[in-house]
C-alpha atoms as a PDB file:
ATOM      1  CA  UNK A   1      -1.734  -3.685  -4.237  1.00  0.00           C
ATOM      2  CA  UNK A   2      -0.830  -1.717  -7.368  1.00  0.00           C
ATOM      3  CA  UNK A   3       2.617  -3.253  -7.259  1.00  0.00           C
ATOM      4  CA  UNK A   4       5.202  -0.541  -7.784  1.00  0.00           C
ATOM      5  CA  UNK A   5       8.515  -0.303  -5.947  1.00  0.00           C
ATOM      6  CA  UNK A   6       7.211   0.625  -2.490  1.00  0.00           C
ATOM      7  CA  UNK A   7       4.372  -1.932  -2.794  1.00  0.00           C
ATOM      8  CA  UNK A   8       7.001  -4.565  -3.579  1.00  0.00           C
ATOM      9  CA  UNK A   9       8.912  -3.739  -0.401  1.00  0.00           C
ATOM     10  CA  UNK A  10       5.637  -3.682   1.558  1.00  0.00           C
ATOM     11  CA  UNK A  11       4.820  -7.147   0.188  1.00  0.00           C
ATOM     12  CA  UNK A  12       8.242  -8.430   1.246  1.00  0.00           C
ATOM     13  CA  UNK A  13       7.777  -7.015   4.751  1.00  0.00           C
ATOM     14  CA  UNK A  14       4.284  -8.519   5.048  1.00  0.00           C
ATOM     15  CA  UNK A  15       5.367 -11.989   3.919  1.00  0.00           C
ATOM     16  CA  UNK A  16       8.349 -11.923   6.296  1.00  0.00           C
ATOM     17  CA  UNK A  17       6.314 -10.798   9.328  1.00  0.00           C
ATOM     18  CA  UNK A  18       5.358 -13.662  11.626  1.00  0.00           C
ATOM     19  CA  UNK A  19       2.602 -11.455  13.029  1.00  0.00           C
ATOM     20  CA  UNK A  20       0.731 -11.753   9.717  1.00  0.00           C
ATOM     21  CA  UNK A  21      -0.777 -14.759   7.975  1.00  0.00           C
ATOM     22  CA  UNK A  22      -1.173 -13.550   4.403  1.00  0.00           C
ATOM     23  CA  UNK A  23      -3.976 -15.600   2.849  1.00  0.00           C
ATOM     24  CA  UNK A  24      -4.174 -13.853  -0.546  1.00  0.00           C
ATOM     25  CA  UNK A  25      -3.164 -10.777  -2.475  1.00  0.00           C
ATOM     26  CA  UNK A  26      -5.307  -8.786  -4.885  1.00  0.00           C
ATOM     27  CA  UNK A  27      -4.003  -6.345  -7.447  1.00  0.00           C
ATOM     28  CA  UNK A  28      -5.593  -3.056  -8.427  1.00  0.00           C
ATOM     29  CA  UNK A  29      -4.973  -0.517 -11.162  1.00  0.00           C
ATOM     30  CA  UNK A  30      -2.835   2.374  -9.917  1.00  0.00           C
ATOM     31  CA  UNK A  31       0.938   2.606 -10.272  1.00  0.00           C
ATOM     32  CA  UNK A  32       0.481   0.038 -13.038  1.00  0.00           C
ATOM     33  CA  UNK A  33      -2.535  -1.753 -14.460  1.00  0.00           C
ATOM     34  CA  UNK A  34      -4.213  -4.460 -12.394  1.00  0.00           C
ATOM     35  CA  UNK A  35      -2.742  -7.091 -14.742  1.00  0.00           C
ATOM     36  CA  UNK A  36       0.835  -5.832 -14.462  1.00  0.00           C
ATOM     37  CA  UNK A  37       0.410  -5.418 -10.695  1.00  0.00           C
ATOM     38  CA  UNK A  38      -0.586  -9.097 -10.437  1.00  0.00           C
ATOM     39  CA  UNK A  39       2.393 -10.112 -12.560  1.00  0.00           C
ATOM     40  CA  UNK A  40       4.728  -7.968 -10.457  1.00  0.00           C
ATOM     41  CA  UNK A  41       3.436  -9.529  -7.237  1.00  0.00           C
ATOM     42  CA  UNK A  42       4.215 -12.981  -8.643  1.00  0.00           C
ATOM     43  CA  UNK A  43       7.653 -11.783  -9.754  1.00  0.00           C
ATOM     44  CA  UNK A  44       8.503 -10.463  -6.286  1.00  0.00           C
ATOM     45  CA  UNK A  45       7.335 -13.619  -4.530  1.00  0.00           C
ATOM     46  CA  UNK A  46       9.253 -15.900  -6.852  1.00  0.00           C
ATOM     47  CA  UNK A  47      12.474 -13.979  -6.204  1.00  0.00           C
ATOM     48  CA  UNK A  48      12.126 -14.237  -2.403  1.00  0.00           C
ATOM     49  CA  UNK A  49      10.773 -17.791  -2.393  1.00  0.00           C
ATOM     50  CA  UNK A  50       7.260 -17.071  -1.107  1.00  0.00           C
ATOM     51  CA  UNK A  51       3.863 -17.980  -2.503  1.00  0.00           C
ATOM     52  CA  UNK A  52       0.290 -16.889  -1.822  1.00  0.00           C
ATOM     53  CA  UNK A  53      -2.639 -16.746  -4.257  1.00  0.00           C
ATOM     54  CA  UNK A  54      -2.698 -13.596  -6.406  1.00  0.00           C
ATOM     55  CA  UNK A  55      -6.039 -12.314  -7.643  1.00  0.00           C
ATOM     56  CA  UNK A  56      -6.099  -9.818 -10.508  1.00  0.00           C
ATOM     57  CA  UNK A  57      -8.438  -7.172  -9.206  1.00  0.00           C
ATOM     58  CA  UNK A  58     -10.147  -4.162 -10.703  1.00  0.00           C
ATOM     59  CA  UNK A  59      -9.064  -0.907 -12.267  1.00  0.00           C
ATOM     60  CA  UNK A  60     -11.066   2.281 -12.056  1.00  0.00           C
ATOM     61  CA  UNK A  61     -13.131   2.918 -15.172  1.00  0.00           C
ATOM     62  CA  UNK A  62     -11.071   4.469 -17.999  1.00  0.00           C
ATOM     63  CA  UNK A  63      -7.822   3.666 -16.145  1.00  0.00           C
ATOM     64  CA  UNK A  64      -4.763   5.103 -17.832  1.00  0.00           C
ATOM     65  CA  UNK A  65      -1.276   5.049 -16.390  1.00  0.00           C
ATOM     66  CA  UNK A  66       0.132   8.527 -15.830  1.00  0.00           C
ATOM     67  CA  UNK A  67       3.593  10.111 -16.056  1.00  0.00           C
ATOM     68  CA  UNK A  68       3.750  10.438 -12.256  1.00  0.00           C
ATOM     69  CA  UNK A  69       3.763   6.653 -11.844  1.00  0.00           C
ATOM     70  CA  UNK A  70       6.246   6.020 -14.639  1.00  0.00           C
ATOM     71  CA  UNK A  71       8.676   8.596 -13.247  1.00  0.00           C
ATOM     72  CA  UNK A  72       8.585   7.059  -9.774  1.00  0.00           C
ATOM     73  CA  UNK A  73       8.267   3.332 -10.491  1.00  0.00           C
ATOM     74  CA  UNK A  74       9.662   2.900 -13.997  1.00  0.00           C
ATOM     75  CA  UNK A  75       7.862   1.488 -17.004  1.00  0.00           C
ATOM     76  CA  UNK A  76       7.555  -2.009 -15.523  1.00  0.00           C
ATOM     77  CA  UNK A  77       6.505  -0.733 -12.094  1.00  0.00           C
ATOM     78  CA  UNK A  78       9.534  -2.313 -10.433  1.00  0.00           C
ATOM     79  CA  UNK A  79      12.165   0.265 -11.291  1.00  0.00           C
ATOM     80  CA  UNK A  80      12.929  -1.256 -14.712  1.00  0.00           C
ATOM     81  CA  UNK A  81      15.135  -3.965 -13.218  1.00  0.00           C
ATOM     82  CA  UNK A  82      13.968  -6.358 -15.965  1.00  0.00           C
ATOM     83  CA  UNK A  83      12.726  -9.313 -13.962  1.00  0.00           C
ATOM     84  CA  UNK A  84      11.613 -12.279 -16.076  1.00  0.00           C
ATOM     85  CA  UNK A  85       7.959 -13.144 -16.445  1.00  0.00           C
ATOM     86  CA  UNK A  86       6.807 -15.275 -13.507  1.00  0.00           C
ATOM     87  CA  UNK A  87       6.158 -18.978 -13.742  1.00  0.00           C
ATOM     88  CA  UNK A  88       3.105 -18.702 -11.499  1.00  0.00           C
ATOM     89  CA  UNK A  89      -0.344 -17.630 -12.659  1.00  0.00           C
ATOM     90  CA  UNK A  90      -2.747 -15.165 -11.163  1.00  0.00           C
ATOM     91  CA  UNK A  91      -6.474 -15.743 -10.695  1.00  0.00           C
ATOM     92  CA  UNK A  92      -8.374 -13.663 -13.243  1.00  0.00           C
ATOM     93  CA  UNK A  93     -11.960 -14.884 -12.968  1.00  0.00           C
ATOM     94  CA  UNK A  94     -14.553 -12.787 -11.115  1.00  0.00           C
ATOM     95  CA  UNK A  95     -12.117 -10.692  -9.044  1.00  0.00           C
ATOM     96  CA  UNK A  96     -14.378  -9.624  -6.187  1.00  0.00           C
ATOM     97  CA  UNK A  97     -15.969 -13.071  -5.917  1.00  0.00           C
ATOM     98  CA  UNK A  98     -12.480 -14.610  -5.777  1.00  0.00           C
ATOM     99  CA  UNK A  99     -11.444 -12.237  -2.964  1.00  0.00           C
ATOM    100  CA  UNK A 100     -14.685 -13.002  -1.094  1.00  0.00           C
ATOM    101  CA  UNK A 101     -14.046 -16.738  -1.452  1.00  0.00           C
ATOM    102  CA  UNK A 102     -10.512 -16.370  -0.068  1.00  0.00           C
ATOM    103  CA  UNK A 103     -11.863 -14.495   2.947  1.00  0.00           C
ATOM    104  CA  UNK A 104     -14.705 -16.929   3.599  1.00  0.00           C
ATOM    105  CA  UNK A 105     -12.359 -19.928   3.388  1.00  0.00           C
ATOM    106  CA  UNK A 106      -9.998 -18.450   5.983  1.00  0.00           C
ATOM    107  CA  UNK A 107     -12.244 -19.456   8.860  1.00  0.00           C
ATOM    108  CA  UNK A 108     -11.377 -16.363  10.897  1.00  0.00           C
ATOM    109  CA  UNK A 109     -11.986 -12.657  10.683  1.00  0.00           C
ATOM    110  CA  UNK A 110      -9.446 -10.970   8.442  1.00  0.00           C
ATOM    111  CA  UNK A 111      -7.553  -7.694   8.194  1.00  0.00           C
ATOM    112  CA  UNK A 112      -7.299  -5.845   4.891  1.00  0.00           C
ATOM    113  CA  UNK A 113      -4.052  -4.015   4.154  1.00  0.00           C
ATOM    114  CA  UNK A 114      -4.650  -1.686   1.222  1.00  0.00           C
ATOM    115  CA  UNK A 115      -1.671  -0.097  -0.519  1.00  0.00           C
ATOM    116  CA  UNK A 116      -3.274   1.112  -3.740  1.00  0.00           C
ATOM    117  CA  UNK A 117      -6.494   2.773  -4.901  1.00  0.00           C
ATOM    118  CA  UNK A 118      -9.484   1.434  -2.949  1.00  0.00           C
ATOM    119  CA  UNK A 119     -11.426   0.157  -5.969  1.00  0.00           C
ATOM    120  CA  UNK A 120     -11.441  -3.471  -4.788  1.00  0.00           C
ATOM    121  CA  UNK A 121     -11.991  -2.618  -1.133  1.00  0.00           C
ATOM    122  CA  UNK A 122     -15.067  -0.490  -1.800  1.00  0.00           C
ATOM    123  CA  UNK A 123     -16.687  -3.309  -3.767  1.00  0.00           C
ATOM    124  CA  UNK A 124     -15.670  -5.871  -1.174  1.00  0.00           C
ATOM    125  CA  UNK A 125     -17.425  -3.925   1.580  1.00  0.00           C
ATOM    126  CA  UNK A 126     -20.666  -4.297  -0.389  1.00  0.00           C
ATOM    127  CA  UNK A 127     -20.298  -8.091  -0.440  1.00  0.00           C
ATOM    128  CA  UNK A 128     -21.209 -10.873   1.971  1.00  0.00           C
ATOM    129  CA  UNK A 129     -17.595 -10.890   3.216  1.00  0.00           C
ATOM    130  CA  UNK A 130     -18.005  -7.522   4.933  1.00  0.00           C
ATOM    131  CA  UNK A 131     -18.835  -9.062   8.311  1.00  0.00           C
ATOM    132  CA  UNK A 132     -15.650 -11.135   8.156  1.00  0.00           C
ATOM    133  CA  UNK A 133     -13.437  -8.040   7.870  1.00  0.00           C
ATOM    134  CA  UNK A 134     -12.229  -6.964  11.296  1.00  0.00           C
ATOM    135  CA  UNK A 135     -10.002  -4.015  10.422  1.00  0.00           C
ATOM    136  CA  UNK A 136      -8.566  -2.085   7.476  1.00  0.00           C
ATOM    137  CA  UNK A 137      -5.082  -0.589   7.323  1.00  0.00           C
ATOM    138  CA  UNK A 138      -4.460   1.609   4.328  1.00  0.00           C
ATOM    139  CA  UNK A 139      -1.973   3.932   2.703  1.00  0.00           C
ATOM    140  CA  UNK A 140      -3.844   6.810   1.176  1.00  0.00           C
ATOM    141  CA  UNK A 141      -4.874  10.411   1.497  1.00  0.00           C
ATOM    142  CA  UNK A 142      -3.208  13.499   2.859  1.00  0.00           C
ATOM    143  CA  UNK A 143      -4.786  14.992   5.955  1.00  0.00           C
ATOM    144  CA  UNK A 144      -2.789  18.065   6.923  1.00  0.00           C
ATOM    145  CA  UNK A 145      -0.117  18.521   4.243  1.00  0.00           C
ATOM    146  CA  UNK A 146       0.163  18.757   0.456  1.00  0.00           C
ATOM    147  CA  UNK A 147      -0.738  16.181  -2.153  1.00  0.00           C
ATOM    148  CA  UNK A 148       1.505  14.490  -4.696  1.00  0.00           C
ATOM    149  CA  UNK A 149      -0.709  14.526  -7.806  1.00  0.00           C
ATOM    150  CA  UNK A 150      -2.537  17.776  -7.120  1.00  0.00           C
ATOM    151  CA  UNK A 151      -1.970  20.374  -4.448  1.00  0.00           C
ATOM    152  CA  UNK A 152      -4.550  18.696  -2.230  1.00  0.00           C
ATOM    153  CA  UNK A 153      -4.754  15.057  -3.315  1.00  0.00           C
ATOM    154  CA  UNK A 154      -2.647  11.941  -2.779  1.00  0.00           C
ATOM    155  CA  UNK A 155      -2.301   9.470  -5.665  1.00  0.00           C
ATOM    156  CA  UNK A 156      -4.267   6.463  -4.331  1.00  0.00           C
ATOM    157  CA  UNK A 157      -7.270   8.530  -3.271  1.00  0.00           C
ATOM    158  CA  UNK A 158      -7.158  10.618  -6.446  1.00  0.00           C
ATOM    159  CA  UNK A 159      -7.192   7.539  -8.685  1.00  0.00           C
ATOM    160  CA  UNK A 160     -10.535   6.371  -7.283  1.00  0.00           C
ATOM    161  CA  UNK A 161     -11.864   9.121  -5.052  1.00  0.00           C
ATOM    162  CA  UNK A 162     -15.393   7.720  -4.920  1.00  0.00           C
ATOM    163  CA  UNK A 163     -14.088   4.375  -3.655  1.00  0.00           C
ATOM    164  CA  UNK A 164     -11.904   6.159  -1.092  1.00  0.00           C
ATOM    165  CA  UNK A 165     -14.903   8.092   0.222  1.00  0.00           C
ATOM    166  CA  UNK A 166     -17.008   4.928   0.345  1.00  0.00           C
ATOM    167  CA  UNK A 167     -14.373   3.035   2.340  1.00  0.00           C
ATOM    168  CA  UNK A 168     -13.618   5.881   4.739  1.00  0.00           C
ATOM    169  CA  UNK A 169     -17.329   6.191   5.533  1.00  0.00           C
ATOM    170  CA  UNK A 170     -18.128   2.498   5.717  1.00  0.00           C
ATOM    171  CA  UNK A 171     -18.274   2.321   9.539  1.00  0.00           C
ATOM    172  CA  UNK A 172     -15.385  -0.131   9.483  1.00  0.00           C
ATOM    173  CA  UNK A 173     -12.396   0.063  11.824  1.00  0.00           C
ATOM    174  CA  UNK A 174      -9.825   1.937   9.724  1.00  0.00           C
ATOM    175  CA  UNK A 175      -6.223   3.006  10.343  1.00  0.00           C
ATOM    176  CA  UNK A 176      -4.926   5.337   7.625  1.00  0.00           C
ATOM    177  CA  UNK A 177      -1.362   6.317   6.793  1.00  0.00           C
ATOM    178  CA  UNK A 178      -1.328   9.413   4.593  1.00  0.00           C
ATOM    179  CA  UNK A 179       1.416  11.430   2.939  1.00  0.00           C
ATOM    180  CA  UNK A 180       1.696  13.462   6.157  1.00  0.00           C
ATOM    181  CA  UNK A 181       3.518  10.523   7.746  1.00  0.00           C
ATOM    182  CA  UNK A 182       4.789   8.468   4.788  1.00  0.00           C
ATOM    183  CA  UNK A 183       6.968  11.349   3.589  1.00  0.00           C
ATOM    184  CA  UNK A 184       8.652  11.703   6.983  1.00  0.00           C
ATOM    185  CA  UNK A 185      12.270  12.232   6.006  1.00  0.00           C
ATOM    186  CA  UNK A 186      13.669  10.192   8.896  1.00  0.00           C
ATOM    187  CA  UNK A 187      11.888   7.111   7.516  1.00  0.00           C
ATOM    188  CA  UNK A 188      12.937   7.514   3.885  1.00  0.00           C
ATOM    189  CA  UNK A 189      15.556   5.341   2.231  1.00  0.00           C
ATOM    190  CA  UNK A 190      18.780   7.288   1.715  1.00  0.00           C
ATOM    191  CA  UNK A 191      22.334   6.214   0.879  1.00  0.00           C
ATOM    192  CA  UNK A 192      23.045   5.289   4.500  1.00  0.00           C
ATOM    193  CA  UNK A 193      19.931   3.135   4.824  1.00  0.00           C
ATOM    194  CA  UNK A 194      20.634   1.525   1.453  1.00  0.00           C
ATOM    195  CA  UNK A 195      24.104   0.642   2.743  1.00  0.00           C
ATOM    196  CA  UNK A 196      22.536  -1.047   5.791  1.00  0.00           C
ATOM    197  CA  UNK A 197      20.228  -3.044   3.521  1.00  0.00           C
ATOM    198  CA  UNK A 198      23.149  -4.149   1.340  1.00  0.00           C
ATOM    199  CA  UNK A 199      25.002  -5.321   4.446  1.00  0.00           C
ATOM    200  CA  UNK A 200      22.333  -7.972   5.113  1.00  0.00           C
ATOM    201  CA  UNK A 201      23.358 -11.317   3.636  1.00  0.00           C
ATOM    202  CA  UNK A 202      20.063 -12.543   2.225  1.00  0.00           C
ATOM    203  CA  UNK A 203      18.377 -12.921  -1.151  1.00  0.00           C
ATOM    204  CA  UNK A 204      15.556 -10.701   0.112  1.00  0.00           C
ATOM    205  CA  UNK A 205      17.861  -7.855   1.128  1.00  0.00           C
ATOM    206  CA  UNK A 206      19.855  -8.003  -2.092  1.00  0.00           C
ATOM    207  CA  UNK A 207      16.649  -7.897  -4.115  1.00  0.00           C
ATOM    208  CA  UNK A 208      15.285  -4.996  -2.045  1.00  0.00           C
ATOM    209  CA  UNK A 209      18.514  -3.056  -2.598  1.00  0.00           C
ATOM    210  CA  UNK A 210      18.229  -3.705  -6.320  1.00  0.00           C
ATOM    211  CA  UNK A 211      14.663  -2.362  -6.328  1.00  0.00           C
ATOM    212  CA  UNK A 212      15.697   0.818  -4.527  1.00  0.00           C
ATOM    213  CA  UNK A 213      19.084   1.704  -6.054  1.00  0.00           C
ATOM    214  CA  UNK A 214      17.822   3.181  -9.298  1.00  0.00           C
ATOM    215  CA  UNK A 215      14.979   5.044  -7.620  1.00  0.00           C
ATOM    216  CA  UNK A 216      17.344   6.727  -5.151  1.00  0.00           C
ATOM    217  CA  UNK A 217      19.841   7.632  -7.869  1.00  0.00           C
ATOM    218  CA  UNK A 218      17.056   9.311  -9.885  1.00  0.00           C
ATOM    219  CA  UNK A 219      15.788  11.326  -6.925  1.00  0.00           C
ATOM    220  CA  UNK A 220      16.844  14.953  -6.618  1.00  0.00           C
ATOM    221  CA  UNK A 221      16.905  14.513  -2.835  1.00  0.00           C
ATOM    222  CA  UNK A 222      18.769  11.204  -2.977  1.00  0.00           C
ATOM    223  CA  UNK A 223      15.946   9.487  -1.071  1.00  0.00           C
ATOM    224  CA  UNK A 224      12.959   7.247  -1.716  1.00  0.00           C
ATOM    225  CA  UNK A 225       9.770   7.121   0.360  1.00  0.00           C
ATOM    226  CA  UNK A 226       8.383   3.689   1.222  1.00  0.00           C
ATOM    227  CA  UNK A 227       4.786   4.906   1.463  1.00  0.00           C
ATOM    228  CA  UNK A 228       3.104   1.506   1.432  1.00  0.00           C
ATOM    229  CA  UNK A 229       5.369  -0.053   4.053  1.00  0.00           C
ATOM    230  CA  UNK A 230       3.694   2.219   6.610  1.00  0.00           C
ATOM    231  CA  UNK A 231       0.338   0.463   6.199  1.00  0.00           C
ATOM    232  CA  UNK A 232       1.959  -2.942   6.736  1.00  0.00           C
ATOM    233  CA  UNK A 233       3.946  -1.838   9.771  1.00  0.00           C
ATOM    234  CA  UNK A 234       0.875  -0.158  11.279  1.00  0.00           C
ATOM    235  CA  UNK A 235      -0.724  -3.618  11.197  1.00  0.00           C
ATOM    236  CA  UNK A 236       2.393  -5.360  12.495  1.00  0.00           C
ATOM    237  CA  UNK A 237       3.580  -2.889  15.153  1.00  0.00           C
ATOM    238  CA  UNK A 238       0.723  -0.638  16.176  1.00  0.00           C
ATOM    239  CA  UNK A 239       2.737   0.556  19.207  1.00  0.00           C
ATOM    240  CA  UNK A 240       5.279   2.618  17.225  1.00  0.00           C
ATOM    241  CA  UNK A 241       2.599   4.912  15.744  1.00  0.00           C
ATOM    242  CA  UNK A 242       0.903   7.972  17.213  1.00  0.00           C
ATOM    243  CA  UNK A 243      -2.701   8.124  16.001  1.00  0.00           C
ATOM    244  CA  UNK A 244      -5.606  10.562  16.055  1.00  0.00           C
ATOM    245  CA  UNK A 245      -9.301   9.776  15.653  1.00  0.00           C
ATOM    246  CA  UNK A 246     -11.111  12.085  13.231  1.00  0.00           C
ATOM    247  CA  UNK A 247     -13.926  12.091  10.705  1.00  0.00           C
ATOM    248  CA  UNK A 248     -12.832  12.085   7.060  1.00  0.00           C
ATOM    249  CA  UNK A 249     -14.726  12.641   3.836  1.00  0.00           C
ATOM    250  CA  UNK A 250     -13.086  12.469   0.412  1.00  0.00           C
ATOM    251  CA  UNK A 251     -14.095  14.783  -2.443  1.00  0.00           C
ATOM    252  CA  UNK A 252     -15.426  12.328  -4.999  1.00  0.00           C
ATOM    253  CA  UNK A 253     -15.056  14.325  -8.229  1.00  0.00           C
ATOM    254  CA  UNK A 254     -14.461  17.728  -9.727  1.00  0.00           C
ATOM    255  CA  UNK A 255     -11.761  20.249  -9.028  1.00  0.00           C
ATOM    256  CA  UNK A 256     -11.019  19.002  -5.510  1.00  0.00           C
ATOM    257  CA  UNK A 257     -11.102  15.302  -6.435  1.00  0.00           C
ATOM    258  CA  UNK A 258      -9.262  13.160  -3.876  1.00  0.00           C
ATOM    259  CA  UNK A 259      -9.010  15.899  -1.238  1.00  0.00           C
ATOM    260  CA  UNK A 260      -9.535  14.747   2.342  1.00  0.00           C
ATOM    261  CA  UNK A 261     -11.878  16.868   4.444  1.00  0.00           C
ATOM    262  CA  UNK A 262     -10.931  16.290   8.071  1.00  0.00           C
ATOM    263  CA  UNK A 263     -13.256  17.074  10.950  1.00  0.00           C
ATOM    264  CA  UNK A 264     -12.304  16.997  14.638  1.00  0.00           C
ATOM    265  CA  UNK A 265     -15.228  16.033  16.838  1.00  0.00           C
ATOM    266  CA  UNK A 266     -15.696  17.447  20.310  1.00  0.00           C
ATOM    267  CA  UNK A 267     -16.353  13.987  21.722  1.00  0.00           C
ATOM    268  CA  UNK A 268     -13.099  12.668  20.232  1.00  0.00           C
ATOM    269  CA  UNK A 269     -14.963  10.354  17.916  1.00  0.00           C
ATOM    270  CA  UNK A 270     -14.631   9.799  14.196  1.00  0.00           C
ATOM    271  CA  UNK A 271     -14.647   7.196  11.462  1.00  0.00           C
ATOM    272  CA  UNK A 272     -10.868   6.878  10.988  1.00  0.00           C
ATOM    273  CA  UNK A 273      -7.664   6.648  13.006  1.00  0.00           C
ATOM    274  CA  UNK A 274      -5.015   8.564  11.082  1.00  0.00           C
ATOM    275  CA  UNK A 275      -1.343   8.016  11.861  1.00  0.00           C
ATOM    276  CA  UNK A 276       0.241  11.316  12.803  1.00  0.00           C
ATOM    277  CA  UNK A 277       3.759  10.195  13.731  1.00  0.00           C
ATOM    278  CA  UNK A 278       5.978   7.141  13.987  1.00  0.00           C
ATOM    279  CA  UNK A 279       9.118   6.228  15.914  1.00  0.00           C
ATOM    280  CA  UNK A 280      11.595   6.474  13.054  1.00  0.00           C
ATOM    281  CA  UNK A 281      14.381   4.335  14.508  1.00  0.00           C
ATOM    282  CA  UNK A 282      11.975   1.514  15.316  1.00  0.00           C
ATOM    283  CA  UNK A 283      10.449   1.812  11.844  1.00  0.00           C
ATOM    284  CA  UNK A 284      13.829   1.307  10.207  1.00  0.00           C
ATOM    285  CA  UNK A 285      14.888  -1.461  12.591  1.00  0.00           C
ATOM    286  CA  UNK A 286      11.732  -3.465  11.891  1.00  0.00           C
ATOM    287  CA  UNK A 287      12.150  -2.961   8.145  1.00  0.00           C
ATOM    288  CA  UNK A 288      15.730  -4.235   8.269  1.00  0.00           C
ATOM    289  CA  UNK A 289      14.737  -7.180  10.434  1.00  0.00           C
ATOM    290  CA  UNK A 290      12.155  -8.283   7.831  1.00  0.00           C
ATOM    291  CA  UNK A 291      14.808  -8.365   5.095  1.00  0.00           C
ATOM    292  CA  UNK A 292      16.826 -11.185   6.665  1.00  0.00           C
END
């Protein structure tokens, strides 16, 4: 996770979903640096009273935070709500080895839910933990629409396009939620949805409302997209999504960096299931349920 505002909400949803047993969290450079993302994950968990190990992961070489991320997530990555530094500590030694160890200790096959650039995931799939990974759910790419950092590229894939291409062509079982679905207006947080969140009498809901208020007020449309929540809910409630199997390559560098090249195969095969639609009412109901 590159813990910005929507990652924070995705983390809350994951930790409050009985369908998931979250064994660890790794940060990655994206919305914020890998270090700040790890700190933000600890901050969020301490507010809502949850705790899982946090591993400070990798950043793409020559990582530099851009204006796009600051505009959307604020300077601290959490909407500038000025949370105190966490009491907990993240694991900083040998990031990929630490993630591998967490997976190997779990005893079962695991699912990866990736909500940031795929820098860690690509390296992980080259490790001895690969065979213990059953499925990958990710937020990244844009398959039929327009990008959000360039005309053709989505932020997570653009930040580390080579890693995105490596993961998408790793022969793993992958479910991808791209901008095509995560920007669905019926699933965005608007004033009405914010009101419903505020009506929930819980620390988690009040904190979530606090995260979202400033972002909505700064938006020209008066809405905020919870991009990363889609990857978590695809893992939790597969039945509310409409998916399509295709082959995807990602342009690794150059002018088209981060662009997804989608191929439909006559036999209906492909390396990725992309989410094409979601039942909006169910999406919102599940989100609200996880904030109690």
